[in-house]
Amino acid sequence: MARCALILLVLVYIFAAVAAQAPAVAPDVTSAMNAAVAAAQAAESAAAASLEAALNLQRTLEQQQPQPQPQPQPQPQPQPQPQPEQQPEEQPEPDLVQPVLVAVGAPAPVPPEPLASGVPPATSSTFAVPGFEQPLAGTTEMGAPPLAGLTAPSAEIGAVLVEEGGVPAQAIPTGLPERLAASLQGQQPLVQGSGSGGR
């Protein structure tokens, strides 16, 4: 619409210049030109008013439209760190080994006496003495020579067989208890005792 008003205004100015240059123009033509100029001015003012009204309407619409608000960006949430697995503590196994109690006041071992030449030492022997319920410890780990009457060297030291005539005095090892030595010199034979260990 503004372009149309400008075009009309240019045409009016052209007609006005032509009319001014003409030597004599009829009064009808002059009045017609004045009417055209007035109409062009009115159209120009109307075009300006309409343009201003359009600009105001556009501004009003822009103010009424809601402004897009910036959306908040989601913050990254911290990921939970994996916790180390708790292993059950290993409990010590109960000690199944029972302590061995040792009797206090056990008799000290008697040191071995020197052996005769050619007599093999004995490692462990137990003699049974008549009149005692349990056999008495003899020359256990003392190195005393075995008694006469053993059938073989591999027989146990405690298996002693005594003849009816008794044991000669020289065959009785030294270092034996007095009652045991006296029983060996008597007439009663010894029974077979229980020996522990071998040669």
N, C-alpha and C. Protein backbone atom coordinates (compact mmCIF):
# COMPACT_ATOMS: atom_id res chain seq x y z
N MET A 1 0.85 -1.22 0.00
CA MET A 1 0.00 0.00 0.00
C MET A 1 0.87 1.25 0.00
N ALA A 2 1.96 1.22 0.71
CA ALA A 2 2.87 2.38 0.73
C ALA A 2 3.47 2.62 -0.64
N ARG A 3 3.75 1.52 -1.36
CA ARG A 3 4.31 1.68 -2.70
C ARG A 3 3.29 2.33 -3.64
N CYS A 4 2.05 1.92 -3.50
CA CYS A 4 1.01 2.53 -4.34
C CYS A 4 0.87 4.03 -4.08
N ALA A 5 0.95 4.40 -2.82
CA ALA A 5 0.84 5.84 -2.49
C ALA A 5 2.00 6.62 -3.06
N LEU A 6 3.20 6.04 -3.02
CA LEU A 6 4.36 6.73 -3.57
C LEU A 6 4.23 6.89 -5.09
N ILE A 7 3.71 5.82 -5.72
CA ILE A 7 3.55 5.91 -7.18
C ILE A 7 2.53 7.00 -7.55
N LEU A 8 1.45 7.06 -6.83
CA LEU A 8 0.45 8.09 -7.09
C LEU A 8 1.02 9.50 -6.87
N LEU A 9 1.82 9.63 -5.79
CA LEU A 9 2.42 10.94 -5.51
C LEU A 9 3.35 11.37 -6.63
N VAL A 10 4.12 10.41 -7.17
CA VAL A 10 5.03 10.75 -8.28
C VAL A 10 4.22 11.18 -9.51
N LEU A 11 3.12 10.47 -9.77
CA LEU A 11 2.29 10.85 -10.93
C LEU A 11 1.69 12.25 -10.76
N VAL A 12 1.29 12.56 -9.54
CA VAL A 12 0.71 13.89 -9.28
C VAL A 12 1.74 14.97 -9.52
N TYR A 13 2.97 14.75 -9.05
CA TYR A 13 4.00 15.75 -9.28
C TYR A 13 4.32 15.92 -10.77
N ILE A 14 4.25 14.84 -11.49
CA ILE A 14 4.50 14.93 -12.94
C ILE A 14 3.41 15.76 -13.62
N PHE A 15 2.15 15.44 -13.23
CA PHE A 15 1.05 16.23 -13.83
C PHE A 15 1.13 17.70 -13.43
N ALA A 16 1.55 17.92 -12.21
CA ALA A 16 1.66 19.34 -11.77
C ALA A 16 2.74 20.08 -12.54
N ALA A 17 3.86 19.40 -12.81
CA ALA A 17 4.93 20.06 -13.57
C ALA A 17 4.50 20.32 -15.01
N VAL A 18 3.78 19.38 -15.57
CA VAL A 18 3.30 19.56 -16.94
C VAL A 18 2.31 20.72 -17.01
N ALA A 19 1.43 20.78 -16.04
CA ALA A 19 0.42 21.85 -16.02
C ALA A 19 1.07 23.21 -15.80
N ALA A 20 2.12 23.27 -15.03
CA ALA A 20 2.79 24.56 -14.81
C ALA A 20 3.48 25.06 -16.07
N GLN A 21 3.98 24.15 -16.83
CA GLN A 21 4.68 24.54 -18.05
C GLN A 21 3.69 24.89 -19.20
N ALA A 22 2.45 24.48 -19.12
CA ALA A 22 1.48 24.76 -20.18
C ALA A 22 1.13 26.27 -20.17
N PRO A 23 1.01 26.93 -21.35
CA PRO A 23 0.73 28.36 -21.39
C PRO A 23 -0.64 28.71 -20.82
N ALA A 24 -1.58 28.02 -21.18
CA ALA A 24 -2.94 28.35 -20.70
C ALA A 24 -3.70 27.06 -20.60
N VAL A 25 -4.26 26.86 -19.47
CA VAL A 25 -5.01 25.62 -19.22
C VAL A 25 -6.41 26.01 -18.83
N ALA A 26 -7.29 25.24 -19.26
CA ALA A 26 -8.69 25.54 -18.94
C ALA A 26 -8.91 25.40 -17.46
N PRO A 27 -9.83 26.15 -16.92
CA PRO A 27 -10.10 26.03 -15.47
C PRO A 27 -10.55 24.65 -15.04
N ASP A 28 -11.18 23.92 -15.91
CA ASP A 28 -11.61 22.57 -15.55
C ASP A 28 -10.41 21.67 -15.31
N VAL A 29 -9.41 21.82 -16.13
CA VAL A 29 -8.21 20.98 -15.99
C VAL A 29 -7.49 21.36 -14.72
N THR A 30 -7.42 22.63 -14.39
CA THR A 30 -6.73 23.06 -13.17
C THR A 30 -7.42 22.51 -11.94
N SER A 31 -8.73 22.59 -11.91
CA SER A 31 -9.46 22.05 -10.75
C SER A 31 -9.30 20.54 -10.65
N ALA A 32 -9.22 19.91 -11.83
CA ALA A 32 -9.04 18.45 -11.80
C ALA A 32 -7.66 18.10 -11.27
N MET A 33 -6.65 18.89 -11.64
CA MET A 33 -5.31 18.62 -11.14
C MET A 33 -5.23 18.85 -9.63
N ASN A 34 -5.88 19.90 -9.15
CA ASN A 34 -5.88 20.15 -7.71
C ASN A 34 -6.56 19.02 -6.94
N ALA A 35 -7.63 18.53 -7.52
CA ALA A 35 -8.33 17.41 -6.88
C ALA A 35 -7.46 16.17 -6.84
N ALA A 36 -6.68 15.98 -7.94
CA ALA A 36 -5.79 14.82 -7.97
C ALA A 36 -4.68 14.95 -6.96
N VAL A 37 -4.14 16.15 -6.82
CA VAL A 37 -3.07 16.35 -5.82
C VAL A 37 -3.59 16.13 -4.42
N ALA A 38 -4.80 16.63 -4.16
CA ALA A 38 -5.39 16.43 -2.82
C ALA A 38 -5.62 14.95 -2.56
N ALA A 39 -6.08 14.25 -3.59
CA ALA A 39 -6.31 12.82 -3.41
C ALA A 39 -5.00 12.08 -3.17
N ALA A 40 -3.94 12.52 -3.87
CA ALA A 40 -2.64 11.86 -3.66
C ALA A 40 -2.11 12.12 -2.27
N GLN A 41 -2.27 13.34 -1.76
CA GLN A 41 -1.82 13.64 -0.41
C GLN A 41 -2.61 12.82 0.63
N ALA A 42 -3.92 12.73 0.37
CA ALA A 42 -4.74 11.94 1.30
C ALA A 42 -4.32 10.48 1.28
N ALA A 43 -4.03 9.97 0.06
CA ALA A 43 -3.58 8.56 -0.02
C ALA A 43 -2.24 8.37 0.66
N GLU A 44 -1.37 9.37 0.51
CA GLU A 44 -0.06 9.25 1.17
C GLU A 44 -0.20 9.23 2.68
N SER A 45 -1.02 10.12 3.22
CA SER A 45 -1.22 10.15 4.66
C SER A 45 -1.87 8.86 5.16
N ALA A 46 -2.83 8.36 4.33
CA ALA A 46 -3.46 7.09 4.73
C ALA A 46 -2.46 5.94 4.71
N ALA A 47 -1.59 5.97 3.70
CA ALA A 47 -0.57 4.91 3.64
C ALA A 47 0.38 5.00 4.82
N ALA A 48 0.76 6.20 5.20
CA ALA A 48 1.66 6.36 6.34
C ALA A 48 0.99 5.91 7.63
N ALA A 49 -0.30 6.24 7.75
CA ALA A 49 -1.02 5.84 8.96
C ALA A 49 -1.16 4.32 9.04
N SER A 50 -1.47 3.72 7.86
CA SER A 50 -1.61 2.26 7.85
C SER A 50 -0.27 1.57 8.15
N LEU A 51 0.82 2.15 7.63
CA LEU A 51 2.13 1.58 7.90
C LEU A 51 2.48 1.68 9.37
N GLU A 52 2.17 2.82 9.97
CA GLU A 52 2.45 2.98 11.40
C GLU A 52 1.59 2.03 12.23
N ALA A 53 0.33 1.87 11.80
CA ALA A 53 -0.54 0.95 12.53
C ALA A 53 -0.04 -0.50 12.43
N ALA A 54 0.47 -0.87 11.28
CA ALA A 54 1.01 -2.23 11.11
C ALA A 54 2.22 -2.45 11.99
N LEU A 55 3.07 -1.43 12.08
CA LEU A 55 4.26 -1.57 12.94
C LEU A 55 3.87 -1.68 14.40
N ASN A 56 2.90 -0.89 14.80
CA ASN A 56 2.46 -0.98 16.20
C ASN A 56 1.84 -2.35 16.52
N LEU A 57 1.07 -2.86 15.55
CA LEU A 57 0.47 -4.18 15.77
C LEU A 57 1.54 -5.27 15.88
N GLN A 58 2.55 -5.17 15.08
CA GLN A 58 3.63 -6.16 15.12
C GLN A 58 4.36 -6.10 16.47
N ARG A 59 4.63 -4.90 16.96
CA ARG A 59 5.29 -4.76 18.24
C ARG A 59 4.45 -5.33 19.38
N THR A 60 3.11 -5.08 19.28
CA THR A 60 2.22 -5.60 20.32
C THR A 60 2.20 -7.12 20.33
N LEU A 61 2.16 -7.70 19.13
CA LEU A 61 2.17 -9.17 19.07
C LEU A 61 3.49 -9.75 19.59
N GLU A 62 4.56 -9.08 19.30
CA GLU A 62 5.84 -9.57 19.80
C GLU A 62 5.92 -9.49 21.31
N GLN A 63 5.32 -8.45 21.90
CA GLN A 63 5.33 -8.34 23.36
C GLN A 63 4.43 -9.37 24.02
N GLN A 64 3.32 -9.69 23.34
CA GLN A 64 2.39 -10.66 23.93
C GLN A 64 2.89 -12.09 23.82
N GLN A 65 3.69 -12.39 22.84
CA GLN A 65 4.18 -13.75 22.71
C GLN A 65 5.16 -14.07 23.86
N PRO A 66 5.01 -15.25 24.50
CA PRO A 66 5.93 -15.60 25.61
C PRO A 66 7.33 -15.85 25.08
N GLN A 67 8.27 -15.29 25.79
CA GLN A 67 9.66 -15.49 25.39
C GLN A 67 10.10 -16.92 25.76
N PRO A 68 10.75 -17.59 24.87
CA PRO A 68 11.23 -18.95 25.22
C PRO A 68 12.30 -18.88 26.30
N GLN A 69 11.98 -19.47 27.42
CA GLN A 69 12.93 -19.48 28.54
C GLN A 69 13.96 -20.61 28.33
N PRO A 70 15.18 -20.31 28.65
CA PRO A 70 16.22 -21.37 28.48
C PRO A 70 15.95 -22.52 29.45
N GLN A 71 15.91 -23.70 28.89
CA GLN A 71 15.68 -24.87 29.73
C GLN A 71 16.95 -25.24 30.48
N PRO A 72 16.81 -25.55 31.75
CA PRO A 72 18.02 -25.92 32.52
C PRO A 72 18.54 -27.26 32.04
N GLN A 73 19.82 -27.29 31.83
CA GLN A 73 20.45 -28.54 31.40
C GLN A 73 20.59 -29.49 32.58
N PRO A 74 20.23 -30.73 32.36
CA PRO A 74 20.34 -31.69 33.48
C PRO A 74 21.79 -31.94 33.83
N GLN A 75 22.07 -31.83 35.11
CA GLN A 75 23.43 -32.06 35.59
C GLN A 75 23.68 -33.57 35.68
N PRO A 76 24.83 -34.00 35.26
CA PRO A 76 25.12 -35.45 35.35
C PRO A 76 25.22 -35.89 36.80
N GLN A 77 24.47 -36.88 37.13
CA GLN A 77 24.50 -37.41 38.50
C GLN A 77 25.72 -38.31 38.69
N PRO A 78 26.37 -38.19 39.83
CA PRO A 78 27.55 -39.06 40.07
C PRO A 78 27.13 -40.50 40.20
N GLN A 79 27.81 -41.33 39.46
CA GLN A 79 27.51 -42.76 39.53
C GLN A 79 28.09 -43.36 40.80
N PRO A 80 27.32 -44.23 41.44
CA PRO A 80 27.85 -44.85 42.68
C PRO A 80 29.02 -45.76 42.37
N GLN A 81 30.08 -45.57 43.13
CA GLN A 81 31.27 -46.40 42.93
C GLN A 81 31.04 -47.77 43.54
N PRO A 82 31.48 -48.81 42.83
CA PRO A 82 31.29 -50.17 43.38
C PRO A 82 32.15 -50.37 44.62
N GLN A 83 31.51 -50.81 45.67
CA GLN A 83 32.22 -51.07 46.93
C GLN A 83 32.91 -52.41 46.86
N PRO A 84 34.11 -52.50 47.42
CA PRO A 84 34.79 -53.81 47.40
C PRO A 84 34.05 -54.82 48.26
N GLU A 85 34.00 -56.04 47.72
CA GLU A 85 33.31 -57.10 48.45
C GLU A 85 34.07 -57.45 49.72
N GLN A 86 33.32 -57.53 50.79
CA GLN A 86 33.91 -57.88 52.08
C GLN A 86 33.98 -59.39 52.20
N GLN A 87 35.20 -59.88 52.27
CA GLN A 87 35.38 -61.31 52.42
C GLN A 87 35.31 -61.69 53.90
N PRO A 88 34.68 -62.79 54.18
CA PRO A 88 34.61 -63.20 55.60
C PRO A 88 35.99 -63.53 56.12
N GLU A 89 36.24 -63.07 57.32
CA GLU A 89 37.53 -63.33 57.93
C GLU A 89 37.68 -64.81 58.24
N GLU A 90 38.84 -65.32 57.90
CA GLU A 90 39.11 -66.72 58.16
C GLU A 90 39.45 -66.91 59.64
N GLN A 91 38.63 -67.69 60.27
CA GLN A 91 38.86 -67.97 61.67
C GLN A 91 39.86 -69.11 61.80
N PRO A 92 40.79 -69.01 62.72
CA PRO A 92 41.77 -70.09 62.88
C PRO A 92 41.10 -71.38 63.32
N GLU A 93 41.53 -72.45 62.68
CA GLU A 93 40.98 -73.75 63.02
C GLU A 93 41.42 -74.16 64.43
N PRO A 94 40.54 -74.79 65.14
CA PRO A 94 40.92 -75.21 66.51
C PRO A 94 42.03 -76.25 66.46
N ASP A 95 42.95 -76.09 67.36
CA ASP A 95 44.07 -77.00 67.44
C ASP A 95 43.59 -78.33 68.00
N LEU A 96 43.66 -79.36 67.14
CA LEU A 96 43.19 -80.68 67.56
C LEU A 96 44.25 -81.46 68.35
N VAL A 97 45.45 -80.94 68.36
CA VAL A 97 46.50 -81.66 69.07
C VAL A 97 46.37 -81.36 70.56
N GLN A 98 46.14 -82.37 71.32
CA GLN A 98 46.01 -82.22 72.76
C GLN A 98 47.39 -82.19 73.40
N PRO A 99 47.59 -81.34 74.36
CA PRO A 99 48.90 -81.33 75.03
C PRO A 99 49.13 -82.61 75.81
N VAL A 100 50.33 -83.04 75.76
CA VAL A 100 50.72 -84.26 76.46
C VAL A 100 51.27 -83.86 77.82
N LEU A 101 50.67 -84.40 78.84
CA LEU A 101 51.10 -84.11 80.20
C LEU A 101 52.22 -85.07 80.60
N VAL A 102 53.24 -84.51 81.11
CA VAL A 102 54.39 -85.32 81.54
C VAL A 102 54.42 -85.32 83.05
N ALA A 103 54.54 -86.49 83.61
CA ALA A 103 54.55 -86.60 85.07
C ALA A 103 55.81 -85.95 85.61
N VAL A 104 55.61 -85.17 86.65
CA VAL A 104 56.73 -84.47 87.28
C VAL A 104 57.35 -85.40 88.31
N GLY A 105 58.61 -85.39 88.36
CA GLY A 105 59.30 -86.22 89.37
C GLY A 105 59.63 -87.60 88.87
N ALA A 106 59.71 -87.79 87.52
CA ALA A 106 60.10 -89.11 87.00
C ALA A 106 61.55 -89.39 87.34
N PRO A 107 61.87 -90.63 87.58
CA PRO A 107 63.25 -90.94 87.96
C PRO A 107 64.20 -90.66 86.82
N ALA A 108 65.31 -90.08 87.15
CA ALA A 108 66.33 -89.78 86.15
C ALA A 108 66.98 -91.06 85.68
N PRO A 109 67.35 -91.15 84.40
CA PRO A 109 68.00 -92.37 83.89
C PRO A 109 69.36 -92.57 84.52
N VAL A 110 69.64 -93.81 84.79
CA VAL A 110 70.94 -94.17 85.39
C VAL A 110 71.98 -94.26 84.30
N PRO A 111 73.10 -93.62 84.43
CA PRO A 111 74.12 -93.69 83.38
C PRO A 111 74.59 -95.13 83.17
N PRO A 112 74.80 -95.52 81.93
CA PRO A 112 75.24 -96.90 81.67
C PRO A 112 76.65 -97.14 82.16
N GLU A 113 76.87 -98.36 82.58
CA GLU A 113 78.20 -98.76 83.02
C GLU A 113 78.99 -99.33 81.85
N PRO A 114 80.26 -99.34 81.96
CA PRO A 114 81.07 -99.89 80.85
C PRO A 114 80.76 -101.35 80.63
N LEU A 115 80.68 -101.75 79.35
CA LEU A 115 80.33 -103.10 78.97
C LEU A 115 81.59 -103.94 78.80
N ALA A 116 81.37 -105.24 78.98
CA ALA A 116 82.47 -106.17 78.73
C ALA A 116 82.72 -106.27 77.25
N SER A 117 83.91 -106.64 76.91
CA SER A 117 84.28 -106.75 75.49
C SER A 117 83.51 -107.89 74.85
N GLY A 118 83.01 -107.63 73.66
CA GLY A 118 82.30 -108.65 72.91
C GLY A 118 80.85 -108.81 73.27
N VAL A 119 80.30 -107.97 74.15
CA VAL A 119 78.88 -108.06 74.54
C VAL A 119 78.14 -106.95 73.83
N PRO A 120 77.12 -107.28 73.03
CA PRO A 120 76.38 -106.22 72.33
C PRO A 120 75.52 -105.43 73.30
N PRO A 121 75.41 -104.12 73.10
CA PRO A 121 74.57 -103.31 74.02
C PRO A 121 73.09 -103.55 73.75
N ALA A 122 72.28 -103.37 74.78
CA ALA A 122 70.81 -103.50 74.68
C ALA A 122 70.20 -102.11 74.65
N THR A 123 69.16 -101.98 73.88
CA THR A 123 68.48 -100.68 73.74
C THR A 123 67.36 -100.52 74.75
N SER A 124 66.56 -101.50 74.96
CA SER A 124 65.44 -101.36 75.88
C SER A 124 65.02 -102.75 76.34
N SER A 125 64.72 -102.89 77.60
CA SER A 125 64.29 -104.19 78.15
C SER A 125 63.44 -103.96 79.38
N THR A 126 62.57 -104.88 79.61
CA THR A 126 61.70 -104.85 80.79
C THR A 126 61.67 -106.24 81.40
N PHE A 127 61.96 -106.35 82.67
CA PHE A 127 62.04 -107.64 83.36
C PHE A 127 60.83 -107.81 84.24
N ALA A 128 60.31 -109.01 84.27
CA ALA A 128 59.21 -109.35 85.16
C ALA A 128 59.77 -110.06 86.39
N VAL A 129 59.47 -109.52 87.54
CA VAL A 129 59.99 -110.05 88.80
C VAL A 129 58.85 -110.72 89.54
N PRO A 130 59.05 -111.95 90.05
CA PRO A 130 57.98 -112.58 90.83
C PRO A 130 57.66 -111.77 92.07
N GLY A 131 56.39 -111.68 92.34
CA GLY A 131 55.94 -110.92 93.50
C GLY A 131 55.51 -109.51 93.19
N PHE A 132 55.75 -109.06 92.00
CA PHE A 132 55.32 -107.72 91.60
C PHE A 132 54.20 -107.86 90.58
N GLU A 133 53.19 -106.98 90.72
CA GLU A 133 52.06 -107.04 89.80
C GLU A 133 52.44 -106.55 88.41
N GLN A 134 53.31 -105.57 88.36
CA GLN A 134 53.74 -105.03 87.07
C GLN A 134 55.23 -105.21 86.93
N PRO A 135 55.69 -105.39 85.70
CA PRO A 135 57.14 -105.56 85.52
C PRO A 135 57.87 -104.26 85.83
N LEU A 136 59.02 -104.42 86.41
CA LEU A 136 59.85 -103.27 86.76
C LEU A 136 60.74 -102.91 85.58
N ALA A 137 60.99 -101.62 85.48
CA ALA A 137 61.87 -101.16 84.41
C ALA A 137 63.28 -101.59 84.71
N GLY A 138 63.90 -102.21 83.72
CA GLY A 138 65.26 -102.69 83.91
C GLY A 138 66.26 -101.73 83.34
N THR A 139 66.98 -102.20 82.42
CA THR A 139 68.04 -101.38 81.82
C THR A 139 67.51 -100.70 80.57
N THR A 140 66.42 -99.87 80.72
CA THR A 140 65.86 -99.19 79.56
C THR A 140 66.79 -98.09 79.09
N GLU A 141 67.26 -98.21 77.87
CA GLU A 141 68.15 -97.23 77.24
C GLU A 141 69.39 -96.96 78.12
N MET A 142 69.84 -98.02 78.78
CA MET A 142 71.02 -97.87 79.62
C MET A 142 72.25 -98.50 79.00
N GLY A 143 72.03 -99.30 77.98
CA GLY A 143 73.16 -99.95 77.35
C GLY A 143 73.67 -101.16 78.11
N ALA A 144 72.84 -101.74 79.00
CA ALA A 144 73.29 -102.93 79.74
C ALA A 144 73.26 -104.14 78.85
N PRO A 145 74.13 -105.13 79.09
CA PRO A 145 74.15 -106.32 78.24
C PRO A 145 72.93 -107.17 78.50
N PRO A 146 72.47 -107.92 77.48
CA PRO A 146 71.33 -108.81 77.69
C PRO A 146 71.71 -110.01 78.56
N LEU A 147 70.69 -110.61 79.16
CA LEU A 147 70.92 -111.79 79.99
C LEU A 147 71.13 -113.02 79.13
N ALA A 148 71.73 -114.04 79.80
CA ALA A 148 71.94 -115.30 79.08
C ALA A 148 70.61 -116.01 78.92
N GLY A 149 70.44 -116.70 77.86
CA GLY A 149 69.23 -117.46 77.63
C GLY A 149 68.43 -116.97 76.45
N LEU A 150 68.85 -115.88 75.78
CA LEU A 150 68.14 -115.40 74.60
C LEU A 150 68.37 -116.36 73.45
N THR A 151 67.32 -116.66 72.72
CA THR A 151 67.41 -117.60 71.60
C THR A 151 68.02 -116.97 70.37
N ALA A 152 67.78 -115.69 70.14
CA ALA A 152 68.30 -115.04 68.94
C ALA A 152 68.56 -113.59 69.24
N PRO A 153 69.49 -112.97 68.54
CA PRO A 153 69.76 -111.54 68.79
C PRO A 153 68.55 -110.65 68.50
N SER A 154 67.66 -111.06 67.60
CA SER A 154 66.52 -110.23 67.26
C SER A 154 65.38 -110.35 68.25
N ALA A 155 65.47 -111.26 69.22
CA ALA A 155 64.40 -111.39 70.22
C ALA A 155 64.40 -110.19 71.13
N GLU A 156 63.25 -109.90 71.74
CA GLU A 156 63.15 -108.76 72.64
C GLU A 156 63.98 -108.99 73.89
N ILE A 157 64.48 -107.90 74.40
CA ILE A 157 65.35 -108.01 75.58
C ILE A 157 64.57 -108.52 76.77
N GLY A 158 63.26 -108.15 76.82
CA GLY A 158 62.47 -108.57 77.98
C GLY A 158 62.12 -110.05 77.99
N ALA A 159 62.25 -110.72 76.84
CA ALA A 159 61.92 -112.16 76.81
C ALA A 159 63.12 -112.94 77.30
N VAL A 160 63.16 -113.17 78.56
CA VAL A 160 64.31 -113.85 79.21
C VAL A 160 63.81 -115.15 79.80
N LEU A 161 64.47 -116.23 79.46
CA LEU A 161 64.16 -117.54 80.03
C LEU A 161 65.31 -117.98 80.91
N VAL A 162 65.03 -118.27 82.12
CA VAL A 162 66.06 -118.65 83.10
C VAL A 162 65.90 -120.13 83.41
N GLU A 163 66.98 -120.85 83.45
CA GLU A 163 66.92 -122.27 83.79
C GLU A 163 66.58 -122.46 85.26
N GLU A 164 66.28 -123.72 85.62
CA GLU A 164 65.91 -124.00 87.01
C GLU A 164 67.06 -123.75 87.94
N GLY A 165 68.27 -123.95 87.50
CA GLY A 165 69.41 -123.76 88.37
C GLY A 165 69.73 -122.32 88.66
N GLY A 166 68.98 -121.39 88.05
CA GLY A 166 69.24 -120.00 88.31
C GLY A 166 70.23 -119.42 87.33
N VAL A 167 70.51 -118.18 87.46
CA VAL A 167 71.42 -117.47 86.56
C VAL A 167 72.74 -117.30 87.28
N PRO A 168 73.84 -117.62 86.62
CA PRO A 168 75.13 -117.37 87.28
C PRO A 168 75.30 -115.90 87.64
N ALA A 169 76.08 -115.68 88.68
CA ALA A 169 76.25 -114.30 89.16
C ALA A 169 76.95 -113.44 88.14
N GLN A 170 77.91 -114.07 87.37
CA GLN A 170 78.62 -113.26 86.39
C GLN A 170 77.75 -112.86 85.21
N ALA A 171 76.56 -113.61 85.02
CA ALA A 171 75.70 -113.27 83.89
C ALA A 171 74.72 -112.14 84.20
N ILE A 172 74.59 -111.81 85.47
CA ILE A 172 73.66 -110.74 85.87
C ILE A 172 74.33 -109.40 85.60
N PRO A 173 73.67 -108.51 84.83
CA PRO A 173 74.31 -107.20 84.57
C PRO A 173 74.36 -106.36 85.82
N THR A 174 75.40 -105.58 85.88
CA THR A 174 75.55 -104.68 87.02
C THR A 174 74.63 -103.48 86.85
N GLY A 175 74.32 -102.82 87.93
CA GLY A 175 73.47 -101.66 87.90
C GLY A 175 72.00 -101.97 88.06
N LEU A 176 71.58 -103.25 88.26
CA LEU A 176 70.17 -103.59 88.45
C LEU A 176 69.77 -103.34 89.89
N PRO A 177 68.47 -103.14 90.11
CA PRO A 177 68.03 -103.01 91.51
C PRO A 177 68.36 -104.26 92.32
N GLU A 178 68.47 -104.05 93.64
CA GLU A 178 68.89 -105.16 94.52
C GLU A 178 67.87 -106.29 94.52
N ARG A 179 66.58 -105.95 94.54
CA ARG A 179 65.55 -107.00 94.58
C ARG A 179 65.53 -107.77 93.28
N LEU A 180 65.77 -107.09 92.15
CA LEU A 180 65.79 -107.77 90.88
C LEU A 180 67.00 -108.69 90.79
N ALA A 181 68.16 -108.20 91.25
CA ALA A 181 69.35 -109.07 91.23
C ALA A 181 69.18 -110.27 92.14
N ALA A 182 68.53 -110.05 93.31
CA ALA A 182 68.33 -111.19 94.22
C ALA A 182 67.37 -112.20 93.64
N SER A 183 66.35 -111.74 92.90
CA SER A 183 65.40 -112.67 92.30
C SER A 183 66.03 -113.45 91.18
N LEU A 184 66.96 -112.81 90.45
CA LEU A 184 67.64 -113.54 89.38
C LEU A 184 68.56 -114.62 89.92
N GLN A 185 69.12 -114.47 91.12
CA GLN A 185 70.00 -115.46 91.73
C GLN A 185 69.23 -116.56 92.44
N GLY A 186 67.94 -116.45 92.58
CA GLY A 186 67.13 -117.47 93.25
C GLY A 186 66.89 -118.67 92.38
N GLN A 187 66.04 -119.61 92.90
CA GLN A 187 65.75 -120.86 92.22
C GLN A 187 64.52 -120.76 91.33
N GLN A 188 63.69 -119.70 91.53
CA GLN A 188 62.47 -119.62 90.75
C GLN A 188 62.76 -119.00 89.38
N PRO A 189 62.25 -119.67 88.34
CA PRO A 189 62.50 -119.09 87.01
C PRO A 189 61.63 -117.86 86.77
N LEU A 190 62.12 -116.99 85.93
CA LEU A 190 61.37 -115.78 85.57
C LEU A 190 60.41 -116.10 84.44
N VAL A 191 59.29 -115.41 84.45
CA VAL A 191 58.34 -115.54 83.36
C VAL A 191 58.74 -114.58 82.25
N GLN A 192 58.13 -114.78 81.10
CA GLN A 192 58.48 -113.93 79.95
C GLN A 192 57.87 -112.55 80.15
N GLY A 193 58.70 -111.52 80.12
CA GLY A 193 58.22 -110.16 80.31
C GLY A 193 57.89 -109.50 78.99
N SER A 194 57.24 -108.35 79.11
CA SER A 194 56.84 -107.60 77.90
C SER A 194 57.92 -106.59 77.61
N GLY A 195 58.53 -106.68 76.48
CA GLY A 195 59.59 -105.74 76.11
C GLY A 195 59.10 -104.72 75.11
N SER A 196 59.74 -103.58 75.08
CA SER A 196 59.39 -102.53 74.12
C SER A 196 60.61 -102.17 73.33
N GLY A 197 60.48 -102.15 72.04
CA GLY A 197 61.61 -101.77 71.18
C GLY A 197 62.43 -102.98 70.82
N GLY A 198 63.24 -102.83 69.90
CA GLY A 198 64.12 -103.90 69.46
C GLY A 198 65.49 -103.38 69.16
N ARG A 199 66.34 -104.25 68.82
CA ARG A 199 67.69 -103.82 68.52
C ARG A 199 67.74 -103.18 67.16
